[in-house]
Amino acid sequence: MIPKERLEYLRELTNEATKGPWKFMVRYGSISYRSKGDVWEWVVQTFNWRGDFFENHKNNGRFIAESRTAIPELIEALEEAYIEIARLRGGANE
């Protein structure tokens, strides 16, 4: 099991990060979020100051962008599972 403190830390990181969802824009090599209407703002880029893409940038970019939504979903699912486990164990809080 993931300790409660770790889940709280991950939730805190999520809450402090730029709002989501994020999108990986392959063409521009950036992970972005929609700030207003159709305006997308960068969260992070997957290329260096010369404009060269980092190794494995497409997979890394997709992973980073999806993590913004997936981590909160996984935290919630884990907490629900822990509550169910405790219920099945007779109410013991683990």
PDB file of N, CA and C in Angstrom:
ATOM      1  N   MET A   1       0.837  -1.186   0.000  1.00  0.00           N
ATOM      2  CA  MET A   1       0.000   0.000   0.000  1.00  0.00           C
ATOM      3  C   MET A   1       0.880   1.248   0.000  1.00  0.00           C
ATOM      4  N   ILE A   2       0.399   2.262  -0.640  1.00  0.00           N
ATOM      5  CA  ILE A   2       1.089   3.556  -0.623  1.00  0.00           C
ATOM      6  C   ILE A   2       0.691   4.258   0.675  1.00  0.00           C
ATOM      7  N   PRO A   3       1.684   4.694   1.456  1.00  0.00           N
ATOM      8  CA  PRO A   3       1.363   5.349   2.726  1.00  0.00           C
ATOM      9  C   PRO A   3       0.512   6.606   2.531  1.00  0.00           C
ATOM     10  N   LYS A   4      -0.326   6.881   3.530  1.00  0.00           N
ATOM     11  CA  LYS A   4      -1.211   8.042   3.505  1.00  0.00           C
ATOM     12  C   LYS A   4      -0.426   9.331   3.267  1.00  0.00           C
ATOM     13  N   GLU A   5       0.758   9.440   3.883  1.00  0.00           N
ATOM     14  CA  GLU A   5       1.586  10.645   3.734  1.00  0.00           C
ATOM     15  C   GLU A   5       2.009  10.854   2.282  1.00  0.00           C
ATOM     16  N   ARG A   6       2.308   9.760   1.595  1.00  0.00           N
ATOM     17  CA  ARG A   6       2.709   9.846   0.181  1.00  0.00           C
ATOM     18  C   ARG A   6       1.539  10.325  -0.671  1.00  0.00           C
ATOM     19  N   LEU A   7       0.349   9.784  -0.426  1.00  0.00           N
ATOM     20  CA  LEU A   7      -0.829  10.221  -1.173  1.00  0.00           C
ATOM     21  C   LEU A   7      -1.118  11.698  -0.915  1.00  0.00           C
ATOM     22  N   GLU A   8      -0.974  12.130   0.326  1.00  0.00           N
ATOM     23  CA  GLU A   8      -1.186  13.542   0.647  1.00  0.00           C
ATOM     24  C   GLU A   8      -0.169  14.422  -0.068  1.00  0.00           C
ATOM     25  N   TYR A   9       1.091  13.958  -0.113  1.00  0.00           N
ATOM     26  CA  TYR A   9       2.131  14.704  -0.819  1.00  0.00           C
ATOM     27  C   TYR A   9       1.808  14.808  -2.313  1.00  0.00           C
ATOM     28  N   LEU A  10       1.387  13.705  -2.914  1.00  0.00           N
ATOM     29  CA  LEU A  10       1.044  13.723  -4.345  1.00  0.00           C
ATOM     30  C   LEU A  10      -0.159  14.624  -4.615  1.00  0.00           C
ATOM     31  N   ARG A  11      -1.132  14.605  -3.716  1.00  0.00           N
ATOM     32  CA  ARG A  11      -2.290  15.493  -3.874  1.00  0.00           C
ATOM     33  C   ARG A  11      -1.838  16.955  -3.790  1.00  0.00           C
ATOM     34  N   GLU A  12      -0.958  17.254  -2.853  1.00  0.00           N
ATOM     35  CA  GLU A  12      -0.447  18.618  -2.703  1.00  0.00           C
ATOM     36  C   GLU A  12       0.287  19.063  -3.967  1.00  0.00           C
ATOM     37  N   LEU A  13       1.127  18.191  -4.526  1.00  0.00           N
ATOM     38  CA  LEU A  13       1.824  18.515  -5.784  1.00  0.00           C
ATOM     39  C   LEU A  13       0.823  18.810  -6.890  1.00  0.00           C
ATOM     40  N   THR A  14      -0.205  17.985  -6.972  1.00  0.00           N
ATOM     41  CA  THR A  14      -1.227  18.157  -7.993  1.00  0.00           C
ATOM     42  C   THR A  14      -1.949  19.485  -7.831  1.00  0.00           C
ATOM     43  N   ASN A  15      -2.309  19.808  -6.593  1.00  0.00           N
ATOM     44  CA  ASN A  15      -3.037  21.049  -6.333  1.00  0.00           C
ATOM     45  C   ASN A  15      -2.199  22.290  -6.608  1.00  0.00           C
ATOM     46  N   GLU A  16      -0.881  22.176  -6.434  1.00  0.00           N
ATOM     47  CA  GLU A  16      -0.003  23.322  -6.649  1.00  0.00           C
ATOM     48  C   GLU A  16       0.436  23.490  -8.102  1.00  0.00           C
ATOM     49  N   ALA A  17       0.264  22.460  -8.907  1.00  0.00           N
ATOM     50  CA  ALA A  17       0.666  22.527 -10.317  1.00  0.00           C
ATOM     51  C   ALA A  17      -0.329  23.373 -11.105  1.00  0.00           C
ATOM     52  N   THR A  18       0.085  23.807 -12.275  1.00  0.00           N
ATOM     53  CA  THR A  18      -0.806  24.540 -13.172  1.00  0.00           C
ATOM     54  C   THR A  18      -2.042  23.703 -13.444  1.00  0.00           C
ATOM     55  N   LYS A  19      -3.188  24.369 -13.454  1.00  0.00           N
ATOM     56  CA  LYS A  19      -4.452  23.661 -13.658  1.00  0.00           C
ATOM     57  C   LYS A  19      -4.406  22.832 -14.942  1.00  0.00           C
ATOM     58  N   GLY A  20      -5.246  21.849 -15.008  1.00  0.00           N
ATOM     59  CA  GLY A  20      -5.286  20.974 -16.169  1.00  0.00           C
ATOM     60  C   GLY A  20      -6.658  21.014 -16.805  1.00  0.00           C
ATOM     61  N   PRO A  21      -6.910  20.194 -17.774  1.00  0.00           N
ATOM     62  CA  PRO A  21      -5.964  19.205 -18.273  1.00  0.00           C
ATOM     63  C   PRO A  21      -4.878  19.831 -19.146  1.00  0.00           C
ATOM     64  N   TRP A  22      -3.808  19.081 -19.282  1.00  0.00           N
ATOM     65  CA  TRP A  22      -2.710  19.510 -20.151  1.00  0.00           C
ATOM     66  C   TRP A  22      -2.778  18.734 -21.453  1.00  0.00           C
ATOM     67  N   LYS A  23      -2.163  19.302 -22.468  1.00  0.00           N
ATOM     68  CA  LYS A  23      -2.135  18.664 -23.788  1.00  0.00           C
ATOM     69  C   LYS A  23      -0.711  18.730 -24.319  1.00  0.00           C
ATOM     70  N   PHE A  24      -0.240  17.631 -24.905  1.00  0.00           N
ATOM     71  CA  PHE A  24       1.067  17.637 -25.541  1.00  0.00           C
ATOM     72  C   PHE A  24       0.885  18.034 -26.993  1.00  0.00           C
ATOM     73  N   MET A  25       1.522  19.116 -27.383  1.00  0.00           N
ATOM     74  CA  MET A  25       1.439  19.602 -28.755  1.00  0.00           C
ATOM     75  C   MET A  25       2.722  19.192 -29.485  1.00  0.00           C
ATOM     76  N   VAL A  26       2.625  18.057 -30.180  1.00  0.00           N
ATOM     77  CA  VAL A  26       3.786  17.453 -30.825  1.00  0.00           C
ATOM     78  C   VAL A  26       4.475  18.441 -31.757  1.00  0.00           C
ATOM     79  N   ARG A  27       3.703  19.139 -32.539  1.00  0.00           N
ATOM     80  CA  ARG A  27       4.261  20.075 -33.530  1.00  0.00           C
ATOM     81  C   ARG A  27       5.169  21.120 -32.891  1.00  0.00           C
ATOM     82  N   TYR A  28       4.771  21.587 -31.703  1.00  0.00           N
ATOM     83  CA  TYR A  28       5.536  22.638 -31.026  1.00  0.00           C
ATOM     84  C   TYR A  28       6.453  22.085 -29.945  1.00  0.00           C
ATOM     85  N   GLY A  29       6.310  20.802 -29.625  1.00  0.00           N
ATOM     86  CA  GLY A  29       7.138  20.196 -28.605  1.00  0.00           C
ATOM     87  C   GLY A  29       6.868  20.750 -27.218  1.00  0.00           C
ATOM     88  N   SER A  30       5.615  21.105 -26.961  1.00  0.00           N
ATOM     89  CA  SER A  30       5.294  21.698 -25.665  1.00  0.00           C
ATOM     90  C   SER A  30       4.117  20.996 -25.004  1.00  0.00           C
ATOM     91  N   ILE A  31       4.133  21.017 -23.682  1.00  0.00           N
ATOM     92  CA  ILE A  31       2.980  20.611 -22.905  1.00  0.00           C
ATOM     93  C   ILE A  31       2.300  21.906 -22.512  1.00  0.00           C
ATOM     94  N   SER A  32       1.017  22.011 -22.823  1.00  0.00           N
ATOM     95  CA  SER A  32       0.301  23.274 -22.655  1.00  0.00           C
ATOM     96  C   SER A  32      -1.043  23.051 -21.987  1.00  0.00           C
ATOM     97  N   TYR A  33      -1.622  24.143 -21.532  1.00  0.00           N
ATOM     98  CA  TYR A  33      -2.982  24.109 -21.001  1.00  0.00           C
ATOM     99  C   TYR A  33      -3.754  25.264 -21.605  1.00  0.00           C
ATOM    100  N   ARG A  34      -5.065  25.103 -21.668  1.00  0.00           N
ATOM    101  CA  ARG A  34      -5.927  26.140 -22.233  1.00  0.00           C
ATOM    102  C   ARG A  34      -6.206  27.173 -21.151  1.00  0.00           C
ATOM    103  N   SER A  35      -5.692  28.384 -21.331  1.00  0.00           N
ATOM    104  CA  SER A  35      -5.863  29.417 -20.304  1.00  0.00           C
ATOM    105  C   SER A  35      -7.133  30.219 -20.520  1.00  0.00           C
ATOM    106  N   LYS A  36      -7.429  30.567 -21.757  1.00  0.00           N
ATOM    107  CA  LYS A  36      -8.624  31.349 -22.089  1.00  0.00           C
ATOM    108  C   LYS A  36      -9.078  30.963 -23.484  1.00  0.00           C
ATOM    109  N   GLY A  37     -10.313  30.529 -23.600  1.00  0.00           N
ATOM    110  CA  GLY A  37     -10.840  30.193 -24.916  1.00  0.00           C
ATOM    111  C   GLY A  37      -9.944  29.244 -25.665  1.00  0.00           C
ATOM    112  N   ASP A  38      -9.421  29.706 -26.802  1.00  0.00           N
ATOM    113  CA  ASP A  38      -8.526  28.883 -27.610  1.00  0.00           C
ATOM    114  C   ASP A  38      -7.060  29.237 -27.395  1.00  0.00           C
ATOM    115  N   VAL A  39      -6.752  29.949 -26.323  1.00  0.00           N
ATOM    116  CA  VAL A  39      -5.365  30.328 -26.034  1.00  0.00           C
ATOM    117  C   VAL A  39      -4.709  29.220 -25.209  1.00  0.00           C
ATOM    118  N   TRP A  40      -3.614  28.667 -25.743  1.00  0.00           N
ATOM    119  CA  TRP A  40      -2.864  27.622 -25.055  1.00  0.00           C
ATOM    120  C   TRP A  40      -1.560  28.220 -24.548  1.00  0.00           C
ATOM    121  N   GLU A  41      -1.249  27.964 -23.286  1.00  0.00           N
ATOM    122  CA  GLU A  41      -0.006  28.459 -22.697  1.00  0.00           C
ATOM    123  C   GLU A  41       0.872  27.288 -22.300  1.00  0.00           C
ATOM    124  N   TRP A  42       2.176  27.476 -22.461  1.00  0.00           N
ATOM    125  CA  TRP A  42       3.131  26.419 -22.152  1.00  0.00           C
ATOM    126  C   TRP A  42       3.218  26.145 -20.664  1.00  0.00           C
ATOM    127  N   VAL A  43       3.367  24.868 -20.354  1.00  0.00           N
ATOM    128  CA  VAL A  43       3.708  24.426 -19.011  1.00  0.00           C
ATOM    129  C   VAL A  43       5.174  24.020 -19.014  1.00  0.00           C
ATOM    130  N   VAL A  44       5.565  23.284 -20.046  1.00  0.00           N
ATOM    131  CA  VAL A  44       6.956  22.831 -20.187  1.00  0.00           C
ATOM    132  C   VAL A  44       7.219  22.567 -21.674  1.00  0.00           C
ATOM    133  N   GLN A  45       8.465  22.634 -22.036  1.00  0.00           N
ATOM    134  CA  GLN A  45       8.839  22.367 -23.430  1.00  0.00           C
ATOM    135  C   GLN A  45       9.697  21.109 -23.489  1.00  0.00           C
ATOM    136  N   THR A  46       9.720  20.466 -24.647  1.00  0.00           N
ATOM    137  CA  THR A  46      10.506  19.242 -24.829  1.00  0.00           C
ATOM    138  C   THR A  46      11.627  19.453 -25.842  1.00  0.00           C
ATOM    139  N   PHE A  47      12.146  20.666 -25.842  1.00  0.00           N
ATOM    140  CA  PHE A  47      13.284  20.961 -26.714  1.00  0.00           C
ATOM    141  C   PHE A  47      14.224  21.923 -25.985  1.00  0.00           C
ATOM    142  N   ASN A  48      15.461  21.983 -26.452  1.00  0.00           N
ATOM    143  CA  ASN A  48      16.453  22.830 -25.786  1.00  0.00           C
ATOM    144  C   ASN A  48      16.495  24.223 -26.403  1.00  0.00           C
ATOM    145  N   TRP A  49      17.384  25.051 -25.924  1.00  0.00           N
ATOM    146  CA  TRP A  49      17.464  26.450 -26.370  1.00  0.00           C
ATOM    147  C   TRP A  49      17.811  26.583 -27.843  1.00  0.00           C
ATOM    148  N   ARG A  50      18.387  25.527 -28.454  1.00  0.00           N
ATOM    149  CA  ARG A  50      18.693  25.564 -29.895  1.00  0.00           C
ATOM    150  C   ARG A  50      17.498  25.130 -30.737  1.00  0.00           C
ATOM    151  N   GLY A  51      16.460  24.626 -30.071  1.00  0.00           N
ATOM    152  CA  GLY A  51      15.288  24.148 -30.796  1.00  0.00           C
ATOM    153  C   GLY A  51      15.349  22.672 -31.133  1.00  0.00           C
ATOM    154  N   ASP A  52      16.360  21.964 -30.619  1.00  0.00           N
ATOM    155  CA  ASP A  52      16.472  20.521 -30.846  1.00  0.00           C
ATOM    156  C   ASP A  52      15.583  19.789 -29.845  1.00  0.00           C
ATOM    157  N   PHE A  53      14.777  18.854 -30.341  1.00  0.00           N
ATOM    158  CA  PHE A  53      13.916  18.088 -29.454  1.00  0.00           C
ATOM    159  C   PHE A  53      14.750  17.144 -28.589  1.00  0.00           C
ATOM    160  N   PHE A  54      14.315  16.965 -27.347  1.00  0.00           N
ATOM    161  CA  PHE A  54      14.976  16.029 -26.456  1.00  0.00           C
ATOM    162  C   PHE A  54      14.692  14.608 -26.907  1.00  0.00           C
ATOM    163  N   GLU A  55      15.588  13.691 -26.513  1.00  0.00           N
ATOM    164  CA  GLU A  55      15.411  12.287 -26.836  1.00  0.00           C
ATOM    165  C   GLU A  55      14.064  11.794 -26.286  1.00  0.00           C
ATOM    166  N   ASN A  56      13.347  11.038 -27.088  1.00  0.00           N
ATOM    167  CA  ASN A  56      12.069  10.433 -26.703  1.00  0.00           C
ATOM    168  C   ASN A  56      11.020  11.487 -26.323  1.00  0.00           C
ATOM    169  N   HIS A  57      11.113  12.676 -26.921  1.00  0.00           N
ATOM    170  CA  HIS A  57      10.245  13.781 -26.514  1.00  0.00           C
ATOM    171  C   HIS A  57       8.759  13.509 -26.714  1.00  0.00           C
ATOM    172  N   LYS A  58       8.398  12.761 -27.734  1.00  0.00           N
ATOM    173  CA  LYS A  58       6.973  12.500 -27.961  1.00  0.00           C
ATOM    174  C   LYS A  58       6.380  11.661 -26.835  1.00  0.00           C
ATOM    175  N   ASN A  59       7.042  10.580 -26.478  1.00  0.00           N
ATOM    176  CA  ASN A  59       6.533   9.726 -25.395  1.00  0.00           C
ATOM    177  C   ASN A  59       6.596  10.444 -24.051  1.00  0.00           C
ATOM    178  N   ASN A  60       7.672  11.156 -23.786  1.00  0.00           N
ATOM    179  CA  ASN A  60       7.791  11.904 -22.535  1.00  0.00           C
ATOM    180  C   ASN A  60       6.736  12.995 -22.443  1.00  0.00           C
ATOM    181  N   GLY A  61       6.508  13.695 -23.541  1.00  0.00           N
ATOM    182  CA  GLY A  61       5.509  14.756 -23.563  1.00  0.00           C
ATOM    183  C   GLY A  61       4.112  14.229 -23.303  1.00  0.00           C
ATOM    184  N   ARG A  62       3.774  13.123 -23.934  1.00  0.00           N
ATOM    185  CA  ARG A  62       2.452  12.519 -23.708  1.00  0.00           C
ATOM    186  C   ARG A  62       2.307  12.060 -22.261  1.00  0.00           C
ATOM    187  N   PHE A  63       3.379  11.469 -21.718  1.00  0.00           N
ATOM    188  CA  PHE A  63       3.333  10.988 -20.336  1.00  0.00           C
ATOM    189  C   PHE A  63       3.124  12.149 -19.357  1.00  0.00           C
ATOM    190  N   ILE A  64       3.869  13.218 -19.533  1.00  0.00           N
ATOM    191  CA  ILE A  64       3.752  14.376 -18.635  1.00  0.00           C
ATOM    192  C   ILE A  64       2.348  14.968 -18.717  1.00  0.00           C
ATOM    193  N   ALA A  65       1.860  15.159 -19.932  1.00  0.00           N
ATOM    194  CA  ALA A  65       0.537  15.759 -20.110  1.00  0.00           C
ATOM    195  C   ALA A  65      -0.558  14.887 -19.498  1.00  0.00           C
ATOM    196  N   GLU A  66      -0.518  13.590 -19.732  1.00  0.00           N
ATOM    197  CA  GLU A  66      -1.535  12.683 -19.196  1.00  0.00           C
ATOM    198  C   GLU A  66      -1.450  12.569 -17.683  1.00  0.00           C
ATOM    199  N   SER A  67      -0.248  12.710 -17.136  1.00  0.00           N
ATOM    200  CA  SER A  67      -0.068  12.597 -15.681  1.00  0.00           C
ATOM    201  C   SER A  67      -0.847  13.663 -14.931  1.00  0.00           C
ATOM    202  N   ARG A  68      -1.033  14.827 -15.530  1.00  0.00           N
ATOM    203  CA  ARG A  68      -1.740  15.923 -14.865  1.00  0.00           C
ATOM    204  C   ARG A  68      -3.166  15.523 -14.488  1.00  0.00           C
ATOM    205  N   THR A  69      -3.784  14.708 -15.317  1.00  0.00           N
ATOM    206  CA  THR A  69      -5.133  14.238 -15.048  1.00  0.00           C
ATOM    207  C   THR A  69      -5.118  12.868 -14.361  1.00  0.00           C
ATOM    208  N   ALA A  70      -4.184  12.010 -14.758  1.00  0.00           N
ATOM    209  CA  ALA A  70      -4.152  10.637 -14.247  1.00  0.00           C
ATOM    210  C   ALA A  70      -3.806  10.563 -12.766  1.00  0.00           C
ATOM    211  N   ILE A  71      -2.874  11.368 -12.299  1.00  0.00           N
ATOM    212  CA  ILE A  71      -2.470  11.281 -10.896  1.00  0.00           C
ATOM    213  C   ILE A  71      -3.632  11.580  -9.953  1.00  0.00           C
ATOM    214  N   PRO A  72      -4.385  12.670 -10.149  1.00  0.00           N
ATOM    215  CA  PRO A  72      -5.536  12.878  -9.267  1.00  0.00           C
ATOM    216  C   PRO A  72      -6.560  11.739  -9.341  1.00  0.00           C
ATOM    217  N   GLU A  73      -6.773  11.190 -10.527  1.00  0.00           N
ATOM    218  CA  GLU A  73      -7.708  10.077 -10.677  1.00  0.00           C
ATOM    219  C   GLU A  73      -7.215   8.848  -9.916  1.00  0.00           C
ATOM    220  N   LEU A  74      -5.931   8.579  -9.992  1.00  0.00           N
ATOM    221  CA  LEU A  74      -5.363   7.416  -9.296  1.00  0.00           C
ATOM    222  C   LEU A  74      -5.389   7.597  -7.785  1.00  0.00           C
ATOM    223  N   ILE A  75      -5.106   8.801  -7.319  1.00  0.00           N
ATOM    224  CA  ILE A  75      -5.177   9.072  -5.876  1.00  0.00           C
ATOM    225  C   ILE A  75      -6.594   8.800  -5.372  1.00  0.00           C
ATOM    226  N   GLU A  76      -7.582   9.313  -6.080  1.00  0.00           N
ATOM    227  CA  GLU A  76      -8.979   9.114  -5.673  1.00  0.00           C
ATOM    228  C   GLU A  76      -9.346   7.633  -5.678  1.00  0.00           C
ATOM    229  N   ALA A  77      -8.927   6.912  -6.717  1.00  0.00           N
ATOM    230  CA  ALA A  77      -9.231   5.480  -6.801  1.00  0.00           C
ATOM    231  C   ALA A  77      -8.559   4.710  -5.665  1.00  0.00           C
ATOM    232  N   LEU A  78      -7.320   5.061  -5.348  1.00  0.00           N
ATOM    233  CA  LEU A  78      -6.628   4.389  -4.248  1.00  0.00           C
ATOM    234  C   LEU A  78      -7.311   4.647  -2.911  1.00  0.00           C
ATOM    235  N   GLU A  79      -7.691   5.888  -2.680  1.00  0.00           N
ATOM    236  CA  GLU A  79      -8.354   6.209  -1.423  1.00  0.00           C
ATOM    237  C   GLU A  79      -9.678   5.459  -1.293  1.00  0.00           C
ATOM    238  N   GLU A  80     -10.424   5.358  -2.380  1.00  0.00           N
ATOM    239  CA  GLU A  80     -11.672   4.597  -2.358  1.00  0.00           C
ATOM    240  C   GLU A  80     -11.400   3.125  -2.090  1.00  0.00           C
ATOM    241  N   ALA A  81     -10.338   2.586  -2.693  1.00  0.00           N
ATOM    242  CA  ALA A  81      -9.981   1.183  -2.467  1.00  0.00           C
ATOM    243  C   ALA A  81      -9.564   0.962  -1.018  1.00  0.00           C
ATOM    244  N   TYR A  82      -8.814   1.886  -0.439  1.00  0.00           N
ATOM    245  CA  TYR A  82      -8.388   1.758   0.956  1.00  0.00           C
ATOM    246  C   TYR A  82      -9.588   1.785   1.897  1.00  0.00           C
ATOM    247  N   ILE A  83     -10.562   2.625   1.598  1.00  0.00           N
ATOM    248  CA  ILE A  83     -11.783   2.674   2.416  1.00  0.00           C
ATOM    249  C   ILE A  83     -12.516   1.344   2.331  1.00  0.00           C
ATOM    250  N   GLU A  84     -12.612   0.792   1.141  1.00  0.00           N
ATOM    251  CA  GLU A  84     -13.287  -0.500   0.953  1.00  0.00           C
ATOM    252  C   GLU A  84     -12.532  -1.623   1.659  1.00  0.00           C
ATOM    253  N   ILE A  85     -11.220  -1.607   1.590  1.00  0.00           N
ATOM    254  CA  ILE A  85     -10.412  -2.615   2.287  1.00  0.00           C
ATOM    255  C   ILE A  85     -10.670  -2.529   3.789  1.00  0.00           C
ATOM    256  N   ALA A  86     -10.658  -1.316   4.319  1.00  0.00           N
ATOM    257  CA  ALA A  86     -10.909  -1.130   5.754  1.00  0.00           C
ATOM    258  C   ALA A  86     -12.307  -1.627   6.118  1.00  0.00           C
ATOM    259  N   ARG A  87     -13.281  -1.345   5.272  1.00  0.00           N
ATOM    260  CA  ARG A  87     -14.645  -1.799   5.532  1.00  0.00           C
ATOM    261  C   ARG A  87     -14.706  -3.318   5.562  1.00  0.00           C
ATOM    262  N   LEU A  88     -14.051  -3.950   4.600  1.00  0.00           N
ATOM    263  CA  LEU A  88     -14.058  -5.410   4.533  1.00  0.00           C
ATOM    264  C   LEU A  88     -13.301  -6.052   5.694  1.00  0.00           C
ATOM    265  N   ARG A  89     -12.364  -5.343   6.252  1.00  0.00           N
ATOM    266  CA  ARG A  89     -11.613  -5.830   7.421  1.00  0.00           C
ATOM    267  C   ARG A  89     -12.338  -5.530   8.728  1.00  0.00           C
ATOM    268  N   GLY A  90     -13.505  -4.987   8.622  1.00  0.00           N
ATOM    269  CA  GLY A  90     -14.285  -4.738   9.820  1.00  0.00           C
ATOM    270  C   GLY A  90     -14.103  -3.352  10.384  1.00  0.00           C
ATOM    271  N   GLY A  91     -13.754  -2.403   9.537  1.00  0.00           N
ATOM    272  CA  GLY A  91     -13.647  -1.020   9.974  1.00  0.00           C
ATOM    273  C   GLY A  91     -12.281  -0.616  10.457  1.00  0.00           C
ATOM    274  N   ALA A  92     -11.317  -1.545  10.444  1.00  0.00           N
ATOM    275  CA  ALA A  92      -9.950  -1.174  10.853  1.00  0.00           C
ATOM    276  C   ALA A  92      -9.408  -0.149   9.880  1.00  0.00           C
ATOM    277  N   ASN A  93      -8.842   0.913  10.405  1.00  0.00           N
ATOM    278  CA  ASN A  93      -8.275   1.972   9.555  1.00  0.00           C
ATOM    279  C   ASN A  93      -6.798   1.719   9.351  1.00  0.00           C
ATOM    280  N   GLU A  94      -6.407   1.393   8.126  1.00  0.00           N
ATOM    281  CA  GLU A  94      -5.001   1.060   7.827  1.00  0.00           C
ATOM    282  C   GLU A  94      -4.292   2.248   7.242  1.00  0.00           C
TER     283      GLU A  94
END
